[in-house]
Amino acid sequence: MKTFDLNIEEILENWEIHHALREVIANALDERILSNTQDIKIEKEGDKIWHIQDFGRGLKYEHLTQNENIEKLNHPHLIGKFGVGLKDALATFFRHKVDVIIKSKFCDISLGMSPKTNFNDVITLHAYVKEPSNPLMSGTTFILNNCDDRYIEQAKSFFLKFSPEKELENTKYGTVLQKDNKEANIYVNGVKVATEENFLFSYNITSLNKKIKNALNRERNNVGRSAYSERIKSILLECKEKEVAQMLVDDLQEFETGNSHDELNWTDVSIHATKLLNSYKKVVLFTPQELQNTNNFIDRAKNDGYEIVTISEKIKDKISGQDDYDNNPIVDLNEYVKEWSNSFEFKFIKKSQLTHKELEIYETANEIFNLIGGKPSVVKEVKISETMRPNNYTLSDTAGFWDGSEIIIRRSELQSFEKFASTLLHETAHAISGASDVSINFENALTDLLGKIAVNKLKSDKGFLNKFFKF
């Protein structure tokens, strides 16, 4: 038998048995990948005896030296990188009185306390290296005595391999997983490094950036969100399969209730979800303020078969005018109004369809035109419509419309002479000037004023005005 001084000076006091088991399992899984051999085994033998076995190249006592493992550092999908986890695990087992025997075709190894070479008064933890009891065996087996089942289960909970979490979508940066409980797990190359209370998904990051590499300490825990958030964003932005997309879309719709998950608070992810939503569903996106101020368009959108979805002002600013992943315009309120206006058709009313009062008011058009010197030559006709295009500023129906040759007035304006005169003169001003509305407040004030001018101008004709006013 030879003794190998493990030279452990700093013991990880907060490590428990399950942390040490995690290192043994991680090394076994890495060896399976490196040697391209069959899956590892974790099996119980008798009471409190467990075997952890891989079928790789076999452990040598040289592997107990404390050096970074270049082979592992250069492989992008392995768990370990420091080359010291095994020594930490052995020290933890010894401290917690778990007896360990390691077997491979190269040697059998156990643990014990022995004096340091040339320093008999200093007793340290050593590996006792013996000739192999089975020189023909494949891989490495750890035999752990006095190891409760609960420690094995705790250790396995660190690994995605033993988790029931379902893979939803795989990307070049990592995998999106369906959570198995309320908490989400964050894995790096299959090993859990953090949990999140308000994430929509669990994640396995397989493409490590500098932040993650720097954050992975020897203990592989307490890795902060700042280290992995960018990678998770990258994973989500790559996801376009329907299952993940639908869950993102559904969560986006929880914005107004305040029940959306943290991923949807990231602007890039919300924009991505919005584009997916527009691709998969017939929706119109409203901000909270738009919901309060545009009831008419909410009703129209619902009647047209659209689903109403609330988004933040910030997201609205980012997606307005953009296309979704099918190259269709994202339908926010502005886009919906635009599409609705383009498909709008006037529902013209014939004179014979007007009520007696409406007809009397409508036929004052020439009298009103006479106030400004007669009907302008650019105005071919004045028509009445049951429907009207929306105003570009208020998004409510306009009272009138100048289409370049005709003045069209909404039928409801025929309820009073003043309203009809105001609208007619307002649209006449557009016809004469060729100018569009500038300020809605100015336009409203101007329209009211024009109506008052018409009333005042015609006051001398009591018979005419008595039809509509009492003096």
Foldseek 3Di string as FASTA:
>chain_A
DDKAFLPDDDAPVPDALLLLVLLVLLVQVQQCVVQVDDDWDWDDDPAQKIKTWHQGDADDPVLSDFAFDVVVVPDLQGDDTGSHSNVNSLVNCVVVVKWKWKADLAWIWTKDWAADVVGRVDIGIIIDTGHGPDNPGGGMMIIIHNHDPVSVVSNCVQFPVNDPWAFDDADPFWTWTQDPDQKAFEAESGGTAEIHRFARTHIYTRGADPLQVVQCDSSSYPRDCVSCVVSVLVGLLPDQDPVSLVSLLVLQQCVVVVNHGPNCVDLSNVLLSLLSCQVPFQAEEEEPVCVVQCVVVVVVSVVVVHHYGYDHPVNCVVQQPHHHPVRHRRHYPVNVLVVCLVVDDFAWDDLVRDDPLLNLLVVCLQVLQVVVPGQDPQAPEETETCAARADPPRRHGDQWDDPRRHIYGYSVLSPANLSVQLSSVLNSVCNVPVDDDDDPVVSVVSSNVRSVVSCVVCVVVVVSCVSGDDD
